[in-house]
């Protein structure tokens, strides 16, 4: 009876809050997936804004300073200047310009120390104008880290399992609202993966193509 009750409670928790699980890939740089949307060639510089396929922004003014927000895209999992630290609330985002992607998975990696700096309320948001943002994924467990006490751990979240299929967006943002305790937040790495939205021809170009086709057909008829 107790086993049945426990199973029912566990199933209820999972149903109410399904987006709290994650696939643990391991720890360290080697556990990253690599070749994500921000750096498909996997040749981005770890200490400079070079060879990346997105424009990075954050709510933190000193973006490139030691332990700045840029470090979440540097393809390196480590301490020191390989992680983003230390602001309780804030966001960091990747802007892909005219390209829009449907997010299929993403990774988020814990810092190398101080589990209390892990975010316990955070979201992945999507936008196409940099003004209006839509929640794609949400983690909300007061005083519970998605990485537990494990440091430099790479968690991966998948569409269909951890979040519903979203619309296509040109901007993906990680935003933290709270940490386990204290007044410092840290995150080691982010990777975004998705499929590019097929571009629909502009109405004007379609009309011009149609006129050109009609003209070509007309010329063939005259020749005939």
N, C-alpha and C. Protein backbone atom coordinates (compact mmCIF):
# COMPACT_ATOMS: atom_id res chain seq x y z
N UNK A 1 0.82 -1.20 0.00
CA UNK A 1 0.00 0.00 0.00
C UNK A 1 0.86 1.26 0.00
N UNK A 2 1.91 1.25 0.85
CA UNK A 2 2.81 2.41 0.92
C UNK A 2 3.51 2.64 -0.40
N UNK A 3 3.91 1.54 -1.09
CA UNK A 3 4.58 1.67 -2.39
C UNK A 3 3.65 2.29 -3.42
N UNK A 4 2.39 1.87 -3.40
CA UNK A 4 1.41 2.42 -4.34
C UNK A 4 1.21 3.90 -4.08
N UNK A 5 1.09 4.28 -2.81
CA UNK A 5 0.90 5.68 -2.44
C UNK A 5 2.09 6.52 -2.87
N UNK A 6 3.30 6.00 -2.65
CA UNK A 6 4.51 6.72 -3.05
C UNK A 6 4.55 6.93 -4.55
N UNK A 7 4.18 5.89 -5.31
CA UNK A 7 4.18 5.99 -6.77
C UNK A 7 3.18 7.02 -7.24
N UNK A 8 2.01 7.07 -6.60
CA UNK A 8 0.99 8.06 -6.98
C UNK A 8 1.45 9.47 -6.70
N UNK A 9 2.08 9.67 -5.55
CA UNK A 9 2.60 11.00 -5.20
C UNK A 9 3.68 11.43 -6.16
N UNK A 10 4.61 10.53 -6.48
CA UNK A 10 5.69 10.85 -7.42
C UNK A 10 5.15 11.19 -8.78
N UNK A 11 4.15 10.42 -9.24
CA UNK A 11 3.55 10.68 -10.55
C UNK A 11 2.85 12.02 -10.57
N UNK A 12 2.20 12.36 -9.45
CA UNK A 12 1.50 13.65 -9.36
C UNK A 12 2.47 14.80 -9.43
N UNK A 13 3.59 14.69 -8.72
CA UNK A 13 4.61 15.74 -8.74
C UNK A 13 5.16 15.92 -10.14
N UNK A 14 5.43 14.81 -10.83
CA UNK A 14 5.98 14.86 -12.18
C UNK A 14 4.98 15.50 -13.14
N UNK A 15 3.68 15.19 -12.94
CA UNK A 15 2.66 15.74 -13.84
C UNK A 15 2.49 17.24 -13.63
N UNK A 16 2.50 17.66 -12.37
CA UNK A 16 2.29 19.07 -12.06
C UNK A 16 3.48 19.90 -12.48
N UNK A 17 4.67 19.36 -12.30
CA UNK A 17 5.88 20.14 -12.56
C UNK A 17 6.85 19.33 -13.40
N UNK A 18 6.53 19.02 -14.67
CA UNK A 18 7.35 18.11 -15.46
C UNK A 18 8.67 18.68 -15.91
N UNK A 19 8.82 20.01 -15.91
CA UNK A 19 10.00 20.63 -16.49
C UNK A 19 11.14 20.78 -15.49
N UNK A 20 11.17 19.96 -14.46
CA UNK A 20 12.23 20.09 -13.47
C UNK A 20 13.30 19.01 -13.65
N UNK A 21 13.05 18.05 -14.51
CA UNK A 21 14.03 16.99 -14.74
C UNK A 21 15.03 17.43 -15.80
N UNK A 22 16.08 16.66 -15.95
CA UNK A 22 17.10 16.99 -16.96
C UNK A 22 17.88 15.73 -17.28
N UNK A 23 18.49 15.71 -18.45
CA UNK A 23 19.41 14.64 -18.81
C UNK A 23 20.81 15.08 -18.44
N UNK A 24 21.43 14.37 -17.54
CA UNK A 24 22.78 14.72 -17.08
C UNK A 24 23.80 14.13 -18.04
N UNK A 25 24.59 15.00 -18.68
CA UNK A 25 25.57 14.56 -19.66
C UNK A 25 26.92 14.25 -19.03
N UNK A 26 27.16 14.75 -17.83
CA UNK A 26 28.45 14.55 -17.18
C UNK A 26 28.98 15.88 -16.68
N UNK A 27 30.27 15.96 -16.45
CA UNK A 27 30.88 17.18 -15.93
C UNK A 27 32.07 17.60 -16.80
N UNK A 28 32.32 18.89 -16.80
CA UNK A 28 33.48 19.42 -17.51
C UNK A 28 33.21 19.73 -18.96
N UNK A 29 34.19 20.32 -19.61
CA UNK A 29 34.07 20.74 -21.01
C UNK A 29 33.73 19.57 -21.92
N UNK A 30 34.28 18.41 -21.65
CA UNK A 30 34.03 17.24 -22.48
C UNK A 30 32.59 16.77 -22.48
N UNK A 31 31.80 17.21 -21.51
CA UNK A 31 30.40 16.80 -21.43
C UNK A 31 29.49 17.71 -22.25
N UNK A 32 30.02 18.84 -22.75
CA UNK A 32 29.22 19.71 -23.61
C UNK A 32 28.90 19.00 -24.92
N UNK A 33 27.78 19.36 -25.53
CA UNK A 33 27.41 18.77 -26.81
C UNK A 33 28.30 19.31 -27.92
N UNK A 34 28.48 20.64 -27.93
CA UNK A 34 29.30 21.29 -28.95
C UNK A 34 28.53 21.57 -30.22
N UNK A 35 29.08 22.45 -31.05
CA UNK A 35 28.49 22.80 -32.35
C UNK A 35 27.06 23.32 -32.20
N UNK A 36 26.83 24.13 -31.20
CA UNK A 36 25.48 24.67 -30.99
C UNK A 36 25.24 25.85 -31.93
N UNK A 37 24.07 26.46 -31.84
CA UNK A 37 23.69 27.51 -32.77
C UNK A 37 24.59 28.74 -32.69
N UNK A 38 25.12 29.03 -31.53
CA UNK A 38 25.97 30.22 -31.40
C UNK A 38 27.35 30.01 -32.00
N UNK A 39 27.74 28.74 -32.15
CA UNK A 39 29.08 28.43 -32.67
C UNK A 39 29.07 27.07 -33.35
N UNK A 40 28.36 26.95 -34.48
CA UNK A 40 28.24 25.65 -35.15
C UNK A 40 29.56 25.06 -35.60
N UNK A 41 30.55 25.91 -35.87
CA UNK A 41 31.86 25.41 -36.28
C UNK A 41 32.72 25.00 -35.09
N UNK A 42 32.25 25.36 -33.90
CA UNK A 42 32.96 25.05 -32.66
C UNK A 42 34.37 25.64 -32.64
N UNK A 43 34.51 26.84 -33.19
CA UNK A 43 35.83 27.47 -33.21
C UNK A 43 35.81 28.86 -32.58
N UNK A 44 34.80 29.13 -31.77
CA UNK A 44 34.75 30.43 -31.10
C UNK A 44 35.89 30.60 -30.11
N UNK A 45 36.43 31.80 -30.05
CA UNK A 45 37.53 32.06 -29.12
C UNK A 45 37.00 32.06 -27.68
N UNK A 46 37.76 31.47 -26.78
CA UNK A 46 37.32 31.37 -25.39
C UNK A 46 37.52 32.67 -24.62
N UNK A 47 38.33 33.56 -25.16
CA UNK A 47 38.62 34.81 -24.43
C UNK A 47 38.37 36.06 -25.26
N UNK A 48 37.64 35.90 -26.39
CA UNK A 48 37.36 37.06 -27.25
C UNK A 48 36.09 36.79 -28.05
N UNK A 49 35.45 37.87 -28.48
CA UNK A 49 34.20 37.77 -29.23
C UNK A 49 34.53 37.53 -30.70
N UNK A 50 35.05 36.33 -30.99
CA UNK A 50 35.52 36.00 -32.34
C UNK A 50 34.95 34.65 -32.77
N UNK A 51 34.47 34.57 -34.03
CA UNK A 51 33.98 33.33 -34.64
C UNK A 51 32.68 32.82 -34.03
N UNK A 52 31.82 33.72 -33.61
CA UNK A 52 30.51 33.32 -33.11
C UNK A 52 29.43 33.74 -34.10
N UNK A 53 28.34 32.97 -34.14
CA UNK A 53 27.27 33.20 -35.10
C UNK A 53 26.08 33.92 -34.49
N UNK A 54 26.29 34.62 -33.42
CA UNK A 54 25.22 35.36 -32.76
C UNK A 54 25.79 36.60 -32.09
N UNK A 55 24.91 37.54 -31.85
CA UNK A 55 25.26 38.73 -31.07
C UNK A 55 24.85 38.46 -29.63
N UNK A 56 25.76 38.64 -28.71
CA UNK A 56 25.49 38.37 -27.30
C UNK A 56 25.21 39.67 -26.55
N UNK A 57 24.25 39.59 -25.63
CA UNK A 57 23.93 40.73 -24.77
C UNK A 57 23.58 40.21 -23.38
N UNK A 58 23.69 41.10 -22.41
CA UNK A 58 23.26 40.73 -21.06
C UNK A 58 22.81 41.98 -20.31
N UNK A 59 22.17 41.74 -19.18
CA UNK A 59 21.72 42.85 -18.34
C UNK A 59 22.87 43.42 -17.52
N UNK A 60 24.01 42.75 -17.58
CA UNK A 60 25.18 43.17 -16.80
C UNK A 60 26.06 44.07 -17.67
N UNK A 61 26.32 45.24 -17.21
CA UNK A 61 27.04 46.23 -18.01
C UNK A 61 28.41 45.75 -18.42
N UNK A 62 29.15 45.18 -17.48
CA UNK A 62 30.51 44.73 -17.78
C UNK A 62 30.46 43.30 -18.31
N UNK A 63 30.13 43.18 -19.59
CA UNK A 63 29.86 41.88 -20.20
C UNK A 63 31.12 41.02 -20.32
N UNK A 64 32.26 41.65 -20.60
CA UNK A 64 33.48 40.90 -20.87
C UNK A 64 34.48 40.91 -19.71
N UNK A 65 34.09 41.47 -18.59
CA UNK A 65 35.03 41.51 -17.49
C UNK A 65 35.24 40.10 -16.92
N UNK A 66 36.18 39.95 -16.01
CA UNK A 66 36.46 38.64 -15.43
C UNK A 66 35.18 38.05 -14.85
N UNK A 67 34.88 36.80 -15.23
CA UNK A 67 33.67 36.10 -14.85
C UNK A 67 32.42 36.82 -15.37
N UNK A 68 32.53 37.43 -16.54
CA UNK A 68 31.40 38.13 -17.16
C UNK A 68 30.45 37.19 -17.86
N UNK A 69 29.30 37.73 -18.29
CA UNK A 69 28.24 36.91 -18.90
C UNK A 69 28.67 36.27 -20.21
N UNK A 70 29.63 36.86 -20.92
CA UNK A 70 30.11 36.27 -22.17
C UNK A 70 30.56 34.82 -21.99
N UNK A 71 31.05 34.52 -20.80
CA UNK A 71 31.65 33.21 -20.55
C UNK A 71 30.67 32.04 -20.67
N UNK A 72 29.36 32.31 -20.66
CA UNK A 72 28.42 31.20 -20.80
C UNK A 72 28.41 30.67 -22.23
N UNK A 73 29.02 31.39 -23.17
CA UNK A 73 29.07 30.96 -24.57
C UNK A 73 30.48 30.59 -25.04
N UNK A 74 31.45 30.50 -24.11
CA UNK A 74 32.85 30.35 -24.52
C UNK A 74 33.30 28.90 -24.74
N UNK A 75 32.38 27.93 -24.64
CA UNK A 75 32.69 26.51 -24.88
C UNK A 75 33.66 25.91 -23.87
N UNK A 76 33.75 26.54 -22.71
CA UNK A 76 34.67 26.04 -21.68
C UNK A 76 33.93 25.93 -20.36
N UNK A 77 34.07 24.79 -19.70
CA UNK A 77 33.50 24.58 -18.37
C UNK A 77 34.64 24.55 -17.37
N UNK A 78 34.68 25.55 -16.50
CA UNK A 78 35.77 25.65 -15.53
C UNK A 78 35.42 26.73 -14.53
N UNK A 79 36.35 26.99 -13.62
CA UNK A 79 36.18 28.07 -12.67
C UNK A 79 36.79 29.36 -13.20
N UNK A 80 36.88 30.35 -12.35
CA UNK A 80 37.51 31.61 -12.73
C UNK A 80 36.83 32.26 -13.91
N UNK A 81 37.62 32.68 -14.89
CA UNK A 81 37.09 33.41 -16.03
C UNK A 81 36.53 32.49 -17.12
N UNK A 82 35.90 31.39 -16.71
CA UNK A 82 35.22 30.50 -17.65
C UNK A 82 33.73 30.44 -17.32
N UNK A 83 33.33 31.17 -16.27
CA UNK A 83 31.93 31.14 -15.84
C UNK A 83 31.41 32.57 -15.69
N UNK A 84 30.09 32.67 -15.52
CA UNK A 84 29.45 33.96 -15.26
C UNK A 84 29.13 34.03 -13.78
N UNK A 85 29.60 35.05 -13.14
CA UNK A 85 29.37 35.26 -11.72
C UNK A 85 29.57 36.76 -11.44
N UNK A 86 28.85 37.47 -10.72
CA UNK A 86 28.05 37.00 -9.59
C UNK A 86 26.92 38.02 -9.34
N UNK A 87 25.83 37.92 -10.04
CA UNK A 87 24.71 38.83 -9.88
C UNK A 87 23.45 38.01 -9.62
N UNK A 88 22.72 38.35 -8.57
CA UNK A 88 21.59 37.55 -8.14
C UNK A 88 20.53 37.43 -9.22
N UNK A 89 20.18 38.56 -9.85
CA UNK A 89 19.16 38.56 -10.89
C UNK A 89 19.77 39.13 -12.17
N UNK A 90 19.36 38.60 -13.31
CA UNK A 90 19.88 39.13 -14.56
C UNK A 90 19.59 38.19 -15.71
N UNK A 91 20.04 38.59 -16.89
CA UNK A 91 19.82 37.75 -18.07
C UNK A 91 20.99 37.86 -19.03
N UNK A 92 21.08 36.86 -19.89
CA UNK A 92 22.06 36.85 -20.98
C UNK A 92 21.36 36.22 -22.17
N UNK A 93 21.64 36.72 -23.39
CA UNK A 93 20.93 36.22 -24.55
C UNK A 93 21.81 36.17 -25.79
N UNK A 94 21.35 35.35 -26.74
CA UNK A 94 22.01 35.21 -28.05
C UNK A 94 21.01 35.64 -29.12
N UNK A 95 21.43 36.57 -29.97
CA UNK A 95 20.57 37.12 -31.02
C UNK A 95 21.10 36.66 -32.38
N UNK A 96 20.26 35.97 -33.15
CA UNK A 96 20.68 35.41 -34.43
C UNK A 96 20.23 36.25 -35.63
N UNK A 97 19.83 37.48 -35.36
CA UNK A 97 19.49 38.40 -36.44
C UNK A 97 18.28 37.99 -37.24
N UNK A 98 18.43 37.85 -38.54
CA UNK A 98 17.31 37.53 -39.42
C UNK A 98 16.93 36.05 -39.41
N UNK A 99 17.75 35.22 -38.79
CA UNK A 99 17.46 33.79 -38.74
C UNK A 99 16.62 33.46 -37.51
N UNK A 100 15.63 32.60 -37.72
CA UNK A 100 14.79 32.15 -36.62
C UNK A 100 14.92 30.64 -36.46
N UNK A 101 14.94 30.19 -35.21
CA UNK A 101 15.11 28.77 -34.92
C UNK A 101 14.03 28.27 -33.97
N UNK A 102 13.61 27.03 -34.19
CA UNK A 102 12.74 26.35 -33.24
C UNK A 102 13.63 25.56 -32.31
N UNK A 103 13.64 25.93 -31.04
CA UNK A 103 14.53 25.30 -30.07
C UNK A 103 14.15 23.82 -29.89
N UNK A 104 15.15 22.95 -30.01
CA UNK A 104 14.92 21.52 -29.84
C UNK A 104 15.56 20.99 -28.56
N UNK A 105 16.60 21.64 -28.11
CA UNK A 105 17.21 21.29 -26.82
C UNK A 105 18.18 22.40 -26.42
N UNK A 106 18.59 22.37 -25.17
CA UNK A 106 19.62 23.30 -24.70
C UNK A 106 20.32 22.67 -23.50
N UNK A 107 21.52 23.15 -23.23
CA UNK A 107 22.24 22.70 -22.04
C UNK A 107 22.47 23.90 -21.12
N UNK A 108 22.54 23.60 -19.83
CA UNK A 108 22.88 24.60 -18.82
C UNK A 108 23.82 23.92 -17.83
N UNK A 109 24.93 24.57 -17.53
CA UNK A 109 25.99 23.95 -16.73
C UNK A 109 26.22 24.71 -15.44
N UNK A 110 26.35 23.98 -14.36
CA UNK A 110 26.54 24.60 -13.05
C UNK A 110 27.95 25.16 -12.89
N UNK A 111 28.09 26.08 -11.95
CA UNK A 111 29.39 26.66 -11.65
C UNK A 111 30.30 25.65 -10.96
N UNK A 112 31.54 26.06 -10.78
CA UNK A 112 32.54 25.14 -10.22
C UNK A 112 32.53 25.09 -8.70
N UNK A 113 31.83 26.04 -8.06
CA UNK A 113 31.83 26.07 -6.60
C UNK A 113 30.50 26.62 -6.08
N UNK A 114 30.38 26.73 -4.80
CA UNK A 114 29.28 27.42 -4.12
C UNK A 114 27.89 27.09 -4.68
N UNK A 115 27.34 25.92 -4.38
CA UNK A 115 26.01 25.54 -4.87
C UNK A 115 24.92 26.54 -4.52
N UNK A 116 25.13 27.30 -3.44
CA UNK A 116 24.11 28.27 -3.06
C UNK A 116 23.95 29.39 -4.08
N UNK A 117 24.90 29.51 -5.02
CA UNK A 117 24.80 30.53 -6.07
C UNK A 117 23.99 30.03 -7.28
N UNK A 118 23.61 28.76 -7.28
CA UNK A 118 22.80 28.24 -8.38
C UNK A 118 21.43 28.90 -8.38
N UNK A 119 20.89 29.12 -9.56
CA UNK A 119 19.55 29.68 -9.66
C UNK A 119 18.51 28.61 -9.33
N UNK A 120 17.51 28.98 -8.52
CA UNK A 120 16.41 28.05 -8.24
C UNK A 120 15.12 28.50 -8.93
N UNK A 121 15.17 29.68 -9.57
CA UNK A 121 14.06 30.14 -10.41
C UNK A 121 14.67 30.77 -11.65
N UNK A 122 14.49 30.12 -12.81
CA UNK A 122 15.06 30.66 -14.04
C UNK A 122 14.24 30.19 -15.24
N UNK A 123 14.42 30.90 -16.36
CA UNK A 123 13.66 30.59 -17.57
C UNK A 123 14.54 30.69 -18.81
N UNK A 124 14.11 29.98 -19.84
CA UNK A 124 14.62 30.19 -21.18
C UNK A 124 13.49 30.88 -21.95
N UNK A 125 13.80 32.04 -22.52
CA UNK A 125 12.80 32.85 -23.19
C UNK A 125 13.14 33.01 -24.67
N UNK A 126 12.12 33.23 -25.49
CA UNK A 126 12.33 33.46 -26.91
C UNK A 126 11.71 34.78 -27.33
N UNK A 127 12.32 35.44 -28.32
CA UNK A 127 11.80 36.71 -28.81
C UNK A 127 12.20 36.91 -30.27
N UNK A 128 11.40 37.71 -30.96
CA UNK A 128 11.75 38.09 -32.34
C UNK A 128 11.95 39.59 -32.50
N UNK A 129 11.79 40.34 -31.42
CA UNK A 129 11.97 41.78 -31.51
C UNK A 129 12.81 42.37 -30.38
N UNK A 130 13.24 41.55 -29.42
CA UNK A 130 14.04 42.05 -28.31
C UNK A 130 13.23 42.85 -27.30
N UNK A 131 11.91 42.85 -27.46
CA UNK A 131 11.03 43.58 -26.55
C UNK A 131 10.04 42.64 -25.89
N UNK A 132 9.38 41.84 -26.70
CA UNK A 132 8.40 40.88 -26.21
C UNK A 132 9.03 39.49 -26.14
N UNK A 133 8.98 38.89 -24.96
CA UNK A 133 9.60 37.57 -24.75
C UNK A 133 8.56 36.55 -24.30
N UNK A 134 8.70 35.32 -24.80
CA UNK A 134 7.79 34.24 -24.47
C UNK A 134 8.57 33.14 -23.75
N UNK A 135 7.98 32.61 -22.69
CA UNK A 135 8.63 31.53 -21.94
C UNK A 135 8.63 30.24 -22.73
N UNK A 136 9.79 29.65 -22.91
CA UNK A 136 9.94 28.35 -23.56
C UNK A 136 10.09 27.25 -22.51
N UNK A 137 10.91 27.52 -21.51
CA UNK A 137 11.17 26.57 -20.44
C UNK A 137 11.23 27.33 -19.12
N UNK A 138 10.73 26.70 -18.08
CA UNK A 138 10.74 27.35 -16.77
C UNK A 138 11.15 26.36 -15.68
N UNK A 139 12.08 26.79 -14.84
CA UNK A 139 12.49 26.00 -13.67
C UNK A 139 12.14 26.83 -12.43
N UNK A 140 11.38 26.24 -11.52
CA UNK A 140 10.93 26.98 -10.33
C UNK A 140 10.80 26.01 -9.16
N UNK A 141 11.90 25.87 -8.41
CA UNK A 141 11.89 25.03 -7.22
C UNK A 141 12.68 25.74 -6.13
N UNK A 142 11.97 26.34 -5.22
CA UNK A 142 12.58 27.16 -4.18
C UNK A 142 13.63 26.37 -3.38
N UNK A 143 14.84 26.91 -3.36
CA UNK A 143 15.96 26.34 -2.61
C UNK A 143 16.43 24.98 -3.13
N UNK A 144 16.06 24.64 -4.36
CA UNK A 144 16.51 23.37 -4.95
C UNK A 144 17.24 23.66 -6.25
N UNK A 145 18.50 23.26 -6.33
CA UNK A 145 19.28 23.47 -7.53
C UNK A 145 19.01 22.37 -8.55
N UNK A 146 18.92 22.70 -9.85
CA UNK A 146 18.73 21.66 -10.86
C UNK A 146 19.95 20.74 -10.99
N UNK A 147 21.07 21.16 -10.40
CA UNK A 147 22.30 20.35 -10.45
C UNK A 147 22.61 19.70 -9.10
N UNK A 148 21.77 19.94 -8.11
CA UNK A 148 22.05 19.44 -6.77
C UNK A 148 23.33 20.08 -6.26
N UNK A 149 24.20 19.26 -5.70
CA UNK A 149 25.49 19.77 -5.23
C UNK A 149 26.60 19.51 -6.24
N UNK A 150 26.25 18.99 -7.40
CA UNK A 150 27.26 18.63 -8.41
C UNK A 150 27.78 19.87 -9.13
N UNK A 151 29.08 20.00 -9.20
CA UNK A 151 29.70 21.18 -9.80
C UNK A 151 30.18 20.87 -11.22
N UNK A 152 30.14 21.90 -12.07
CA UNK A 152 30.53 21.78 -13.48
C UNK A 152 29.71 20.71 -14.21
N UNK A 153 28.48 20.51 -13.78
CA UNK A 153 27.62 19.48 -14.37
C UNK A 153 26.81 20.04 -15.53
N UNK A 154 26.83 19.32 -16.65
CA UNK A 154 26.10 19.72 -17.85
C UNK A 154 24.73 19.03 -17.88
N UNK A 155 23.67 19.80 -17.76
CA UNK A 155 22.31 19.30 -17.86
C UNK A 155 21.77 19.63 -19.25
N UNK A 156 21.08 18.67 -19.87
CA UNK A 156 20.47 18.93 -21.17
C UNK A 156 18.96 18.75 -21.07
N UNK A 157 18.22 19.66 -21.72
CA UNK A 157 16.76 19.66 -21.70
C UNK A 157 16.25 19.54 -23.14
N UNK A 158 15.24 18.68 -23.35
CA UNK A 158 14.78 18.36 -24.69
C UNK A 158 13.33 18.76 -24.92
N UNK A 159 13.04 19.18 -26.16
CA UNK A 159 11.67 19.46 -26.54
C UNK A 159 10.87 18.15 -26.51
N UNK A 160 9.61 18.24 -26.12
CA UNK A 160 8.77 17.06 -26.05
C UNK A 160 8.89 16.31 -24.75
N UNK A 161 10.01 16.50 -24.04
CA UNK A 161 10.22 15.85 -22.75
C UNK A 161 10.23 16.88 -21.62
N UNK A 162 11.01 17.93 -21.81
CA UNK A 162 11.17 18.94 -20.77
C UNK A 162 10.43 20.25 -21.07
N UNK A 163 10.09 20.46 -22.34
CA UNK A 163 9.32 21.66 -22.69
C UNK A 163 8.58 21.40 -24.00
N UNK A 164 7.49 22.12 -24.18
CA UNK A 164 6.66 21.94 -25.37
C UNK A 164 7.33 22.59 -26.59
N UNK A 165 6.98 22.10 -27.78
CA UNK A 165 7.54 22.67 -29.01
C UNK A 165 7.19 24.15 -29.10
N UNK A 166 8.21 25.02 -29.14
CA UNK A 166 7.95 26.45 -29.17
C UNK A 166 7.85 26.99 -30.60
N UNK A 167 7.50 28.25 -30.72
CA UNK A 167 7.55 28.92 -32.01
C UNK A 167 9.01 29.15 -32.37
N UNK A 168 9.26 29.62 -33.59
CA UNK A 168 10.63 29.92 -34.02
C UNK A 168 10.99 31.33 -33.54
N UNK A 169 12.19 31.46 -32.99
CA UNK A 169 12.64 32.76 -32.47
C UNK A 169 14.05 33.08 -32.97
N UNK A 170 14.33 34.37 -33.02
CA UNK A 170 15.66 34.82 -33.41
C UNK A 170 16.53 35.14 -32.20
N UNK A 171 15.92 35.21 -31.02
CA UNK A 171 16.64 35.52 -29.78
C UNK A 171 16.28 34.49 -28.73
N UNK A 172 17.30 33.95 -28.06
CA UNK A 172 17.08 33.06 -26.93
C UNK A 172 17.77 33.67 -25.71
N UNK A 173 17.01 33.74 -24.61
CA UNK A 173 17.51 34.39 -23.39
C UNK A 173 17.41 33.45 -22.20
N UNK A 174 18.46 33.44 -21.39
CA UNK A 174 18.42 32.80 -20.07
C UNK A 174 18.23 33.91 -19.06
N UNK A 175 17.24 33.76 -18.19
CA UNK A 175 16.98 34.78 -17.18
C UNK A 175 16.82 34.13 -15.82
N UNK A 176 17.55 34.66 -14.84
CA UNK A 176 17.47 34.14 -13.47
C UNK A 176 16.74 35.15 -12.59
N UNK A 177 15.93 34.62 -11.68
CA UNK A 177 15.12 35.47 -10.80
C UNK A 177 15.47 35.29 -9.33
N UNK A 178 16.15 34.18 -9.01
CA UNK A 178 16.43 33.88 -7.61
C UNK A 178 17.56 32.86 -7.53
N UNK A 179 18.29 32.88 -6.42
CA UNK A 179 19.33 31.88 -6.18
C UNK A 179 19.01 31.13 -4.89
N UNK A 180 19.74 30.04 -4.67
CA UNK A 180 19.49 29.22 -3.48
C UNK A 180 19.57 30.07 -2.21
N UNK A 181 20.65 30.82 -2.08
CA UNK A 181 20.80 31.72 -0.93
C UNK A 181 21.90 32.73 -1.22
N UNK A 182 21.93 33.79 -0.45
CA UNK A 182 22.95 34.82 -0.62
C UNK A 182 22.60 35.80 -1.72
N UNK A 183 23.60 36.55 -2.15
CA UNK A 183 23.36 37.60 -3.14
C UNK A 183 24.24 37.45 -4.38
N UNK A 184 24.64 36.21 -4.69
CA UNK A 184 25.47 35.96 -5.87
C UNK A 184 24.88 34.84 -6.72
N UNK A 185 24.95 34.99 -8.03
CA UNK A 185 24.47 33.98 -8.98
C UNK A 185 25.62 33.55 -9.88
N UNK A 186 25.62 32.28 -10.29
CA UNK A 186 26.64 31.83 -11.23
C UNK A 186 26.06 30.80 -12.18
N UNK A 187 26.63 30.80 -13.38
CA UNK A 187 26.27 29.82 -14.41
C UNK A 187 27.52 29.60 -15.25
N UNK A 188 27.79 28.36 -15.61
CA UNK A 188 29.04 28.08 -16.31
C UNK A 188 28.91 28.14 -17.83
N UNK A 189 27.85 27.53 -18.37
CA UNK A 189 27.77 27.44 -19.83
C UNK A 189 26.33 27.26 -20.28
N UNK A 190 26.03 27.77 -21.50
CA UNK A 190 24.75 27.58 -22.17
C UNK A 190 25.00 27.12 -23.60
N UNK A 191 24.20 26.18 -24.08
CA UNK A 191 24.22 25.79 -25.49
C UNK A 191 22.78 25.71 -25.98
N UNK A 192 22.52 26.29 -27.15
CA UNK A 192 21.18 26.24 -27.74
C UNK A 192 21.23 25.43 -29.05
N UNK A 193 20.23 24.57 -29.25
CA UNK A 193 20.15 23.75 -30.46
C UNK A 193 18.74 23.87 -31.05
N UNK A 194 18.66 23.91 -32.37
CA UNK A 194 17.35 24.02 -32.98
C UNK A 194 17.39 23.90 -34.49
N UNK A 195 16.22 23.92 -35.09
CA UNK A 195 16.09 23.85 -36.54
C UNK A 195 15.71 25.22 -37.08
N UNK A 196 16.35 25.61 -38.18
CA UNK A 196 16.09 26.93 -38.74
C UNK A 196 14.74 26.96 -39.45
N UNK A 197 14.03 28.04 -39.25
CA UNK A 197 12.73 28.22 -39.90
C UNK A 197 12.93 28.50 -41.38
N UNK A 198 12.17 27.81 -42.20
CA UNK A 198 12.26 28.04 -43.65
C UNK A 198 11.74 29.44 -43.98
N UNK A 199 12.47 30.14 -44.81
CA UNK A 199 12.09 31.50 -45.16
C UNK A 199 10.98 31.49 -46.22
N UNK A 200 9.93 32.25 -45.95
CA UNK A 200 8.82 32.37 -46.90
C UNK A 200 9.12 33.52 -47.84
N UNK A 201 9.03 33.32 -49.17
CA UNK A 201 9.32 34.40 -50.11
C UNK A 201 8.41 35.61 -49.88
N UNK A 202 8.98 36.79 -50.04
CA UNK A 202 8.19 38.01 -49.91
C UNK A 202 7.11 38.05 -50.99
N UNK A 203 5.91 38.59 -50.66
CA UNK A 203 4.82 38.67 -51.64
C UNK A 203 5.23 39.35 -52.94
N UNK A 204 6.06 40.39 -52.84
CA UNK A 204 6.51 41.11 -54.03
C UNK A 204 7.35 40.24 -54.94
N UNK A 205 8.23 39.42 -54.34
CA UNK A 205 9.09 38.56 -55.15
C UNK A 205 8.28 37.46 -55.81
N UNK A 206 7.24 36.98 -55.12
CA UNK A 206 6.38 35.96 -55.70
C UNK A 206 5.63 36.52 -56.90
N UNK A 207 5.15 37.77 -56.75
CA UNK A 207 4.41 38.41 -57.85
C UNK A 207 5.32 38.64 -59.06
N UNK A 208 6.54 39.08 -58.81
CA UNK A 208 7.49 39.30 -59.91
C UNK A 208 7.81 38.00 -60.62
N UNK A 209 7.96 36.94 -59.84
CA UNK A 209 8.24 35.62 -60.44
C UNK A 209 7.08 35.20 -61.33
N UNK A 210 5.85 35.43 -60.84
CA UNK A 210 4.67 35.08 -61.61
C UNK A 210 4.58 35.86 -62.90
N UNK A 211 4.88 37.16 -62.84
CA UNK A 211 4.86 37.99 -64.05
C UNK A 211 5.91 37.53 -65.05
N UNK A 212 7.09 37.19 -64.53
CA UNK A 212 8.16 36.72 -65.40
C UNK A 212 7.78 35.41 -66.07
N UNK A 213 7.12 34.52 -65.31
CA UNK A 213 6.71 33.24 -65.87
C UNK A 213 5.66 33.44 -66.96
N UNK A 214 4.71 34.36 -66.70
CA UNK A 214 3.69 34.63 -67.71
C UNK A 214 4.30 35.22 -68.98
N UNK A 215 5.27 36.11 -68.80
CA UNK A 215 5.94 36.72 -69.96
C UNK A 215 6.67 35.67 -70.77
N UNK A 216 7.35 34.76 -70.08
CA UNK A 216 8.08 33.70 -70.78
C UNK A 216 7.14 32.80 -71.55
N UNK A 217 5.99 32.48 -70.94
CA UNK A 217 5.00 31.64 -71.62
C UNK A 217 4.44 32.34 -72.87
N UNK A 218 4.23 33.68 -72.72
CA UNK A 218 3.71 34.47 -73.83
C UNK A 218 4.67 34.46 -75.02
N UNK A 219 5.97 34.61 -74.71
CA UNK A 219 6.98 34.60 -75.78
C UNK A 219 7.02 33.25 -76.48
N UNK A 220 6.86 32.17 -75.72
CA UNK A 220 6.87 30.83 -76.33
C UNK A 220 5.68 30.63 -77.25
N UNK A 221 4.53 31.19 -76.85
CA UNK A 221 3.33 31.05 -77.68
C UNK A 221 3.46 31.82 -78.99
N UNK A 222 4.08 33.01 -78.92
CA UNK A 222 4.27 33.80 -80.14
C UNK A 222 5.18 33.08 -81.11
N UNK A 223 6.25 32.48 -80.55
CA UNK A 223 7.19 31.75 -81.40
C UNK A 223 6.53 30.55 -82.04
N UNK A 224 5.62 29.92 -81.30
CA UNK A 224 4.92 28.76 -81.83
C UNK A 224 3.99 29.16 -82.98
